[in-house]
Amino acid sequence: MKKYILNLFLILTIHVGLAQENNQNKWSITKAENWYAQNNWMVGANFIPSTAINQLEMWQADTFDQGTIDKELGYAQSIGMNTMRVYLHSLVYKENPEGFKNRIKTYLKIADKHSIKTIFVIFDDVWDKNPKMGVQPSPKPGIHNSGWVQDPGDPAYKEEKNFPELKIYVQDIIKTFSNDDRVLMWDLYNEPGNNDKLNSSINLLTKVFEWAREINPSQPLTAGLWTWSFQELNAFQALNSDIITYHHYGDVAEHQQVIHLLKSHGRPMICTEYMARTRNSRFSNILPLLKKENIGAINWGLVAGKSNTIYQWDTPMLSGEEPVEWFHDVFKKDGTPYRQDEVNLIKKLTAKK
């Protein structure tokens, strides 16, 4: 625990000059606070329709499932959720930029019908490093996120020859939706440094902030802190984000410590990943904490499906049988809650006074 706290302290005290180069158009604390105050308390989930195994299957034309998206966002709305965090993918844009943007518009229209705003994620360092367009693999029984893919992948993320094309993608997407109030925020890079990339992701992370700042959208920019040993990445993320976002899958005591330390930045905060039941990160203990601290709460997983996130990260169940306790997710495919007491709590905490 001492090492854990020390690493968090270093995030807050490392020299600010490390992150100054991309501060053009960065929001002031006052602007960030005003934006946060204008929104209702943000509660929701990381969303992918249950019929998609990954971002590519969600967004490719042949498998873009409007019916399931509509139905499952309806489940979210029914319990008071008002925010979804959704991953995009550069390969879908590369294949057909206008088609991809039109499908994003369709998704936003559906989400807006359900009074849901969206945090879009641009790049991602997690899971399979070789994303490929076309028919996506079937889920591997009992294996968590067996088909999720990185964006742009490895080694593509560190090859500067790819950066001009990636810049076009990032700037076109953000510019297209830069004044769309259905888009809540741009999460520019999910878990940079994951999959043993470590600080090698700093170059693309720096660039994506630079590209987004040049567009200067009406929505805030962020990149969530997720592991406390990556001091250089953490400092850059925290000091360049308009809104502080972070991931935490631990218990209340550790989560509270993270909150205390990250609040020293003086900016509004959103927890963009939490809720792993078998790690004692639950709706019952974490959601009331985030409510009390006025921190947005975006759990991982809405409807159990092809992503297999009812299974733990490190405990595959190759038989494919249902685990004794789900790791993530809130609903079964038919809209039945996994736990009625959890959805009752969400409804209670999101109810308008």
Protein backbone atom coordinates (compact mmCIF):
# COMPACT_ATOMS: atom_id res chain seq x y z
CA MET A 1 0.00 0.00 0.00
CA LYS A 2 2.86 2.44 0.72
CA LYS A 3 4.31 1.93 -2.77
CA TYR A 4 0.82 2.39 -4.23
CA ILE A 5 0.38 5.71 -2.43
CA LEU A 6 3.89 6.87 -3.34
CA ASN A 7 3.26 6.31 -7.04
CA LEU A 8 0.04 8.29 -6.81
CA PHE A 9 1.88 11.08 -5.03
CA LEU A 10 4.44 11.20 -7.83
CA ILE A 11 1.62 11.65 -10.35
CA LEU A 12 0.64 14.82 -8.54
CA THR A 13 4.09 16.25 -7.88
CA ILE A 14 6.11 15.48 -11.00
CA HIS A 15 7.24 18.68 -12.71
CA VAL A 16 4.40 20.34 -14.64
CA GLY A 17 6.78 21.18 -17.49
CA LEU A 18 6.64 17.55 -18.58
CA ALA A 19 3.14 18.13 -19.89
CA GLN A 20 3.15 21.75 -20.97
CA GLU A 21 3.72 21.29 -24.69
CA ASN A 22 0.12 20.25 -25.44
CA ASN A 23 -1.66 22.79 -23.26
CA GLN A 24 -2.82 24.95 -26.16
CA ASN A 25 -6.59 25.39 -25.79
CA LYS A 26 -6.64 23.38 -22.57
CA TRP A 27 -9.65 24.30 -20.48
CA SER A 28 -9.21 26.40 -17.37
CA ILE A 29 -10.35 24.88 -14.09
CA THR A 30 -13.24 27.37 -14.03
CA LYS A 31 -14.41 26.32 -17.50
CA ALA A 32 -14.18 22.65 -16.53
CA GLU A 33 -16.16 23.25 -13.34
CA ASN A 34 -18.85 25.18 -15.19
CA TRP A 35 -19.18 22.42 -17.78
CA TYR A 36 -19.48 19.76 -15.09
CA ALA A 37 -22.07 21.77 -13.17
CA GLN A 38 -24.23 22.12 -16.28
CA ASN A 39 -24.56 18.34 -16.62
CA ASN A 40 -26.52 15.96 -14.46
CA TRP A 41 -24.52 13.50 -12.39
CA MET A 42 -23.06 11.17 -15.01
CA VAL A 43 -23.93 7.51 -14.49
CA GLY A 44 -23.65 4.80 -17.09
CA ALA A 45 -21.59 2.02 -18.60
CA ASN A 46 -18.93 1.16 -21.13
CA PHE A 47 -21.19 0.05 -23.95
CA ILE A 48 -20.90 -2.42 -26.77
CA PRO A 49 -24.03 -4.20 -28.03
CA SER A 50 -24.26 -7.81 -26.91
CA THR A 51 -24.14 -8.93 -30.56
CA ALA A 52 -20.64 -7.49 -31.11
CA ILE A 53 -17.40 -9.09 -29.92
CA ASN A 54 -15.35 -5.92 -30.41
CA GLN A 55 -15.30 -2.38 -31.79
CA LEU A 56 -14.97 -3.57 -35.40
CA GLU A 57 -18.05 -5.76 -35.20
CA MET A 58 -19.97 -2.93 -33.59
CA TRP A 59 -19.13 -0.37 -36.30
CA GLN A 60 -18.63 -2.26 -39.59
CA ALA A 61 -21.52 -1.76 -42.00
CA ASP A 62 -22.45 -5.45 -42.24
CA THR A 63 -22.74 -5.93 -38.47
CA PHE A 64 -23.89 -2.50 -37.24
CA ASP A 65 -26.90 -3.62 -35.21
CA GLN A 66 -29.26 -0.69 -34.76
CA GLY A 67 -32.01 -2.83 -33.27
CA THR A 68 -29.84 -4.21 -30.48
CA ILE A 69 -28.29 -0.81 -29.76
CA ASP A 70 -31.77 0.70 -29.42
CA LYS A 71 -33.04 -2.11 -27.21
CA GLU A 72 -30.03 -2.19 -24.91
CA LEU A 73 -29.75 1.57 -24.50
CA GLY A 74 -33.40 1.33 -23.50
CA TYR A 75 -32.38 -1.01 -20.69
CA ALA A 76 -29.85 1.59 -19.55
CA GLN A 77 -32.38 4.41 -19.65
CA SER A 78 -34.88 2.36 -17.65
CA ILE A 79 -32.59 2.37 -14.60
CA GLY A 80 -31.53 6.01 -14.80
CA MET A 81 -28.28 5.74 -16.74
CA ASN A 82 -27.53 8.83 -18.81
CA THR A 83 -23.99 8.27 -20.16
CA MET A 84 -22.30 5.61 -22.28
CA ARG A 85 -18.58 5.28 -23.02
CA VAL A 86 -18.14 3.87 -26.53
CA TYR A 87 -15.01 2.84 -28.43
CA LEU A 88 -14.48 3.85 -32.05
CA HIS A 89 -11.88 2.29 -34.39
CA SER A 90 -9.60 3.84 -36.99
CA LEU A 91 -9.76 0.84 -39.35
CA VAL A 92 -13.49 1.32 -39.86
CA TYR A 93 -12.84 4.94 -40.76
CA LYS A 94 -10.01 3.96 -43.11
CA GLU A 95 -12.31 1.64 -45.06
CA ASN A 96 -15.09 4.20 -45.52
CA PRO A 97 -14.88 7.55 -43.68
CA GLU A 98 -18.33 8.81 -44.62
CA GLY A 99 -20.01 5.48 -43.93
CA PHE A 100 -18.41 5.32 -40.48
CA LYS A 101 -19.44 8.88 -39.63
CA ASN A 102 -22.98 8.17 -40.76
CA ARG A 103 -23.17 5.14 -38.47
CA ILE A 104 -21.88 7.27 -35.59
CA LYS A 105 -24.68 9.74 -36.37
CA THR A 106 -27.19 6.90 -36.32
CA TYR A 107 -25.86 5.67 -32.98
CA LEU A 108 -26.07 9.20 -31.53
CA LYS A 109 -29.64 9.57 -32.72
CA ILE A 110 -30.58 6.33 -30.96
CA ALA A 111 -28.72 7.30 -27.78
CA ASP A 112 -30.34 10.74 -27.75
CA LYS A 113 -33.77 9.10 -28.01
CA HIS A 114 -32.92 7.43 -24.70
CA SER A 115 -31.59 10.67 -23.13
CA ILE A 116 -28.06 9.27 -23.17
CA LYS A 117 -24.89 11.23 -23.93
CA THR A 118 -21.71 9.52 -25.10
CA ILE A 119 -18.02 9.60 -24.30
CA PHE A 120 -16.18 8.45 -27.41
CA VAL A 121 -12.83 6.66 -27.06
CA ILE A 122 -10.31 7.18 -29.89
CA PHE A 123 -7.25 4.92 -29.35
CA ASP A 124 -6.80 1.82 -27.17
CA ASP A 125 -3.79 -0.25 -26.05
CA VAL A 126 -5.75 -3.19 -24.64
CA TRP A 127 -6.09 -6.84 -25.78
CA ASP A 128 -5.41 -8.16 -29.33
CA LYS A 129 -2.65 -6.19 -31.06
CA ASN A 130 -3.62 -7.24 -34.61
CA PRO A 131 -7.00 -5.72 -35.51
CA LYS A 132 -8.34 -6.82 -38.89
CA MET A 133 -11.42 -5.75 -40.80
CA GLY A 134 -13.95 -8.28 -42.04
CA VAL A 135 -15.67 -11.12 -40.24
CA GLN A 136 -14.63 -11.12 -36.59
CA PRO A 137 -13.83 -14.28 -34.60
CA SER A 138 -16.40 -16.05 -32.49
CA PRO A 139 -16.03 -15.70 -28.72
CA LYS A 140 -13.76 -18.23 -27.02
CA PRO A 141 -15.83 -20.00 -24.36
CA GLY A 142 -15.32 -18.62 -20.87
CA ILE A 143 -12.54 -16.16 -21.82
CA HIS A 144 -12.92 -12.49 -20.94
CA ASN A 145 -12.90 -10.15 -23.97
CA SER A 146 -11.46 -12.84 -26.24
CA GLY A 147 -12.00 -10.74 -29.36
CA TRP A 148 -11.35 -7.15 -28.27
CA VAL A 149 -8.76 -5.34 -30.39
CA GLN A 150 -6.28 -2.52 -29.94
CA ASP A 151 -6.39 0.66 -31.98
CA PRO A 152 -4.28 1.25 -33.98
CA GLY A 153 -2.54 -1.96 -32.90
CA ASP A 154 1.07 -3.02 -32.47
CA PRO A 155 3.49 -2.07 -34.00
CA ALA A 156 1.25 0.47 -35.79
CA TYR A 157 0.95 2.65 -32.67
CA LYS A 158 4.67 3.45 -32.62
CA GLU A 159 5.38 3.72 -36.35
CA GLU A 160 5.45 7.41 -37.17
CA LYS A 161 4.75 6.70 -40.83
CA ASN A 162 1.16 5.96 -39.71
CA PHE A 163 0.71 9.28 -37.91
CA PRO A 164 -0.40 11.44 -40.88
CA GLU A 165 -3.22 9.01 -41.64
CA LEU A 166 -4.17 8.75 -37.96
CA LYS A 167 -4.18 12.53 -37.67
CA ILE A 168 -6.68 12.79 -40.53
CA TYR A 169 -8.90 10.23 -38.78
CA VAL A 170 -8.76 11.89 -35.37
CA GLN A 171 -9.33 15.40 -36.64
CA ASP A 172 -12.12 14.48 -39.05
CA ILE A 173 -14.07 12.58 -36.40
CA ILE A 174 -13.66 15.26 -33.73
CA LYS A 175 -14.35 18.13 -36.14
CA THR A 176 -17.50 16.43 -37.47
CA PHE A 177 -18.96 16.18 -33.97
CA SER A 178 -17.15 19.10 -32.31
CA ASN A 179 -20.36 21.02 -31.58
CA ASP A 180 -22.69 18.06 -31.11
CA ASP A 181 -24.11 18.21 -27.60
CA ARG A 182 -24.95 14.51 -27.77
CA VAL A 183 -21.20 13.90 -27.45
CA LEU A 184 -20.23 14.46 -23.84
CA MET A 185 -16.44 14.16 -24.01
CA TRP A 186 -13.52 12.81 -26.05
CA ASP A 187 -11.48 10.11 -24.31
CA LEU A 188 -8.42 10.21 -26.53
CA TYR A 189 -6.50 7.09 -25.48
CA ASN A 190 -7.66 4.15 -23.39
CA GLU A 191 -5.02 2.74 -21.04
CA PRO A 192 -1.88 3.90 -22.88
CA GLY A 193 1.06 1.67 -22.07
CA ASN A 194 -0.99 -1.47 -21.47
CA ASN A 195 0.05 -4.85 -22.94
CA ASP A 196 3.67 -4.17 -21.95
CA LYS A 197 3.93 -1.08 -24.16
CA LEU A 198 4.85 1.02 -21.14
CA ASN A 199 6.21 4.48 -22.00
CA SER A 200 6.48 3.63 -25.70
CA SER A 201 2.89 4.90 -26.04
CA ILE A 202 3.85 8.44 -25.00
CA ASN A 203 4.51 9.55 -28.58
CA LEU A 204 1.05 8.69 -29.92
CA LEU A 205 -0.55 9.94 -26.69
CA THR A 206 1.19 13.28 -27.14
CA LYS A 207 0.16 13.47 -30.78
CA VAL A 208 -3.50 12.66 -30.25
CA PHE A 209 -3.79 15.49 -27.71
CA GLU A 210 -2.01 17.81 -30.13
CA TRP A 211 -4.33 16.85 -33.01
CA ALA A 212 -7.46 17.22 -30.86
CA ARG A 213 -6.38 20.58 -29.44
CA GLU A 214 -5.96 21.90 -32.97
CA ILE A 215 -9.65 21.20 -33.59
CA ASN A 216 -10.59 22.69 -30.18
CA PRO A 217 -14.01 21.01 -29.84
CA SER A 218 -16.75 22.30 -27.57
CA GLN A 219 -16.44 19.09 -25.52
CA PRO A 220 -13.61 18.44 -23.03
CA LEU A 221 -10.64 16.19 -23.76
CA THR A 222 -9.29 13.52 -21.43
CA ALA A 223 -7.24 10.34 -21.16
CA GLY A 224 -7.91 8.24 -18.08
CA LEU A 225 -5.27 7.25 -15.55
CA TRP A 226 -5.37 3.53 -14.97
CA THR A 227 -2.17 2.21 -13.37
CA TRP A 228 -0.05 4.02 -10.85
CA SER A 229 3.42 2.80 -11.87
CA PHE A 230 3.55 4.70 -15.20
CA GLN A 231 4.74 8.02 -13.82
CA GLU A 232 5.52 9.76 -17.13
CA LEU A 233 2.28 8.68 -18.79
CA ASN A 234 0.21 9.46 -15.71
CA ALA A 235 1.66 12.94 -15.37
CA PHE A 236 1.00 13.71 -19.02
CA GLN A 237 -2.56 12.39 -18.88
CA ALA A 238 -3.46 14.24 -15.70
CA LEU A 239 -1.86 17.52 -16.69
CA ASN A 240 -3.31 17.60 -20.20
CA SER A 241 -6.87 16.49 -19.45
CA ASP A 242 -9.66 19.05 -19.14
CA ILE A 243 -11.57 16.65 -16.88
CA ILE A 244 -9.68 14.12 -14.73
CA THR A 245 -10.77 10.59 -15.59
CA TYR A 246 -9.49 7.34 -14.15
CA HIS A 247 -10.10 3.59 -13.89
CA HIS A 248 -10.29 1.73 -10.61
CA TYR A 249 -11.32 -1.85 -9.94
CA GLY A 250 -10.36 -2.07 -6.27
CA ASP A 251 -12.28 -1.86 -3.02
CA VAL A 252 -13.61 1.22 -1.26
CA ALA A 253 -10.49 1.96 0.81
CA GLU A 254 -8.16 2.03 -2.19
CA HIS A 255 -10.70 3.86 -4.34
CA GLN A 256 -11.16 6.54 -1.69
CA GLN A 257 -7.39 7.06 -1.52
CA VAL A 258 -7.23 7.55 -5.29
CA ILE A 259 -10.05 10.10 -5.10
CA HIS A 260 -8.33 12.11 -2.37
CA LEU A 261 -5.10 12.33 -4.32
CA LEU A 262 -6.55 13.01 -7.77
CA LYS A 263 -8.80 15.72 -6.38
CA SER A 264 -5.68 17.78 -5.68
CA HIS A 265 -5.69 18.67 -9.40
CA GLY A 266 -8.75 20.77 -8.64
CA ARG A 267 -10.71 19.54 -11.65
CA PRO A 268 -14.00 17.66 -11.97
CA MET A 269 -13.60 13.90 -12.08
CA ILE A 270 -15.25 10.93 -13.79
CA CYS A 271 -14.42 7.31 -13.03
CA THR A 272 -14.68 5.84 -16.54
CA GLU A 273 -14.14 2.22 -15.49
CA TYR A 274 -15.09 0.40 -12.29
CA MET A 275 -17.22 -2.52 -11.07
CA ALA A 276 -15.55 -5.92 -10.94
CA ARG A 277 -17.60 -7.87 -8.44
CA THR A 278 -15.07 -10.53 -7.53
CA ARG A 279 -12.49 -7.80 -6.75
CA ASN A 280 -14.98 -6.15 -4.37
CA SER A 281 -15.62 -3.23 -6.70
CA ARG A 282 -19.40 -3.32 -6.69
CA PHE A 283 -22.35 -1.05 -7.29
CA SER A 284 -23.27 -1.48 -3.63
CA ASN A 285 -20.03 -0.02 -2.27
CA ILE A 286 -18.51 2.10 -5.07
CA LEU A 287 -21.51 3.85 -6.61
CA PRO A 288 -22.58 5.52 -3.32
CA LEU A 289 -18.96 6.64 -2.82
CA LEU A 290 -18.84 8.26 -6.26
CA LYS A 291 -22.22 9.88 -5.65
CA LYS A 292 -21.01 11.31 -2.34
CA GLU A 293 -17.85 12.68 -3.98
CA ASN A 294 -19.77 14.05 -7.01
CA ILE A 295 -17.69 11.94 -9.40
CA GLY A 296 -19.15 10.54 -12.61
CA ALA A 297 -19.60 6.76 -12.53
CA ILE A 298 -19.14 4.66 -15.68
CA ASN A 299 -18.98 0.93 -14.92
CA TRP A 300 -17.66 -1.71 -17.31
CA GLY A 301 -20.37 -3.56 -19.20
CA LEU A 302 -24.08 -3.19 -19.78
CA VAL A 303 -25.49 -6.38 -21.34
CA ALA A 304 -23.82 -9.78 -21.20
CA GLY A 305 -22.91 -10.92 -24.69
CA LYS A 306 -20.12 -11.79 -27.10
CA SER A 307 -17.51 -9.79 -25.16
CA ASN A 308 -17.65 -12.45 -22.40
CA THR A 309 -17.06 -9.89 -19.67
CA ILE A 310 -19.10 -11.84 -17.15
CA TYR A 311 -15.85 -13.84 -16.79
CA GLN A 312 -12.83 -12.57 -14.85
CA TRP A 313 -9.70 -11.26 -16.57
CA ASP A 314 -7.42 -13.97 -15.24
CA THR A 315 -9.76 -16.88 -14.51
CA PRO A 316 -10.99 -18.45 -17.76
CA MET A 317 -13.79 -20.99 -17.60
CA LEU A 318 -13.16 -23.05 -20.71
CA SER A 319 -16.39 -24.98 -20.23
CA GLY A 320 -18.26 -21.75 -20.98
CA GLU A 321 -20.59 -22.30 -18.05
CA GLU A 322 -21.94 -19.25 -16.27
CA PRO A 323 -19.66 -18.17 -13.39
CA VAL A 324 -20.94 -18.29 -9.84
CA GLU A 325 -20.64 -14.51 -9.78
CA TRP A 326 -20.51 -12.27 -12.84
CA PHE A 327 -17.40 -10.11 -13.14
CA HIS A 328 -18.96 -7.24 -15.15
CA ASP A 329 -22.30 -6.40 -16.83
CA VAL A 330 -25.73 -5.43 -15.55
CA PHE A 331 -28.33 -7.15 -17.74
CA LYS A 332 -29.00 -10.45 -19.42
CA LYS A 333 -29.82 -10.25 -23.14
CA ASP A 334 -33.56 -10.28 -22.51
CA GLY A 335 -33.30 -7.23 -20.26
CA THR A 336 -33.53 -9.15 -16.98
CA PRO A 337 -31.15 -7.62 -14.41
CA TYR A 338 -28.35 -9.88 -13.21
CA ARG A 339 -29.09 -8.60 -9.71
CA GLN A 340 -32.31 -6.77 -8.96
CA ASP A 341 -30.81 -5.14 -5.87
CA GLU A 342 -28.12 -3.52 -8.02
CA VAL A 343 -30.55 -1.94 -10.48
CA ASN A 344 -32.74 -0.81 -7.58
CA LEU A 345 -29.72 0.99 -6.12
CA ILE A 346 -28.84 2.60 -9.45
CA LYS A 347 -32.44 3.79 -9.83
CA LYS A 348 -32.42 5.17 -6.30
CA LEU A 349 -29.15 7.06 -6.68
CA THR A 350 -30.03 8.49 -10.10
CA ALA A 351 -33.58 9.49 -9.22
CA LYS A 352 -34.24 13.21 -9.64
CA LYS A 353 -35.17 14.93 -6.40
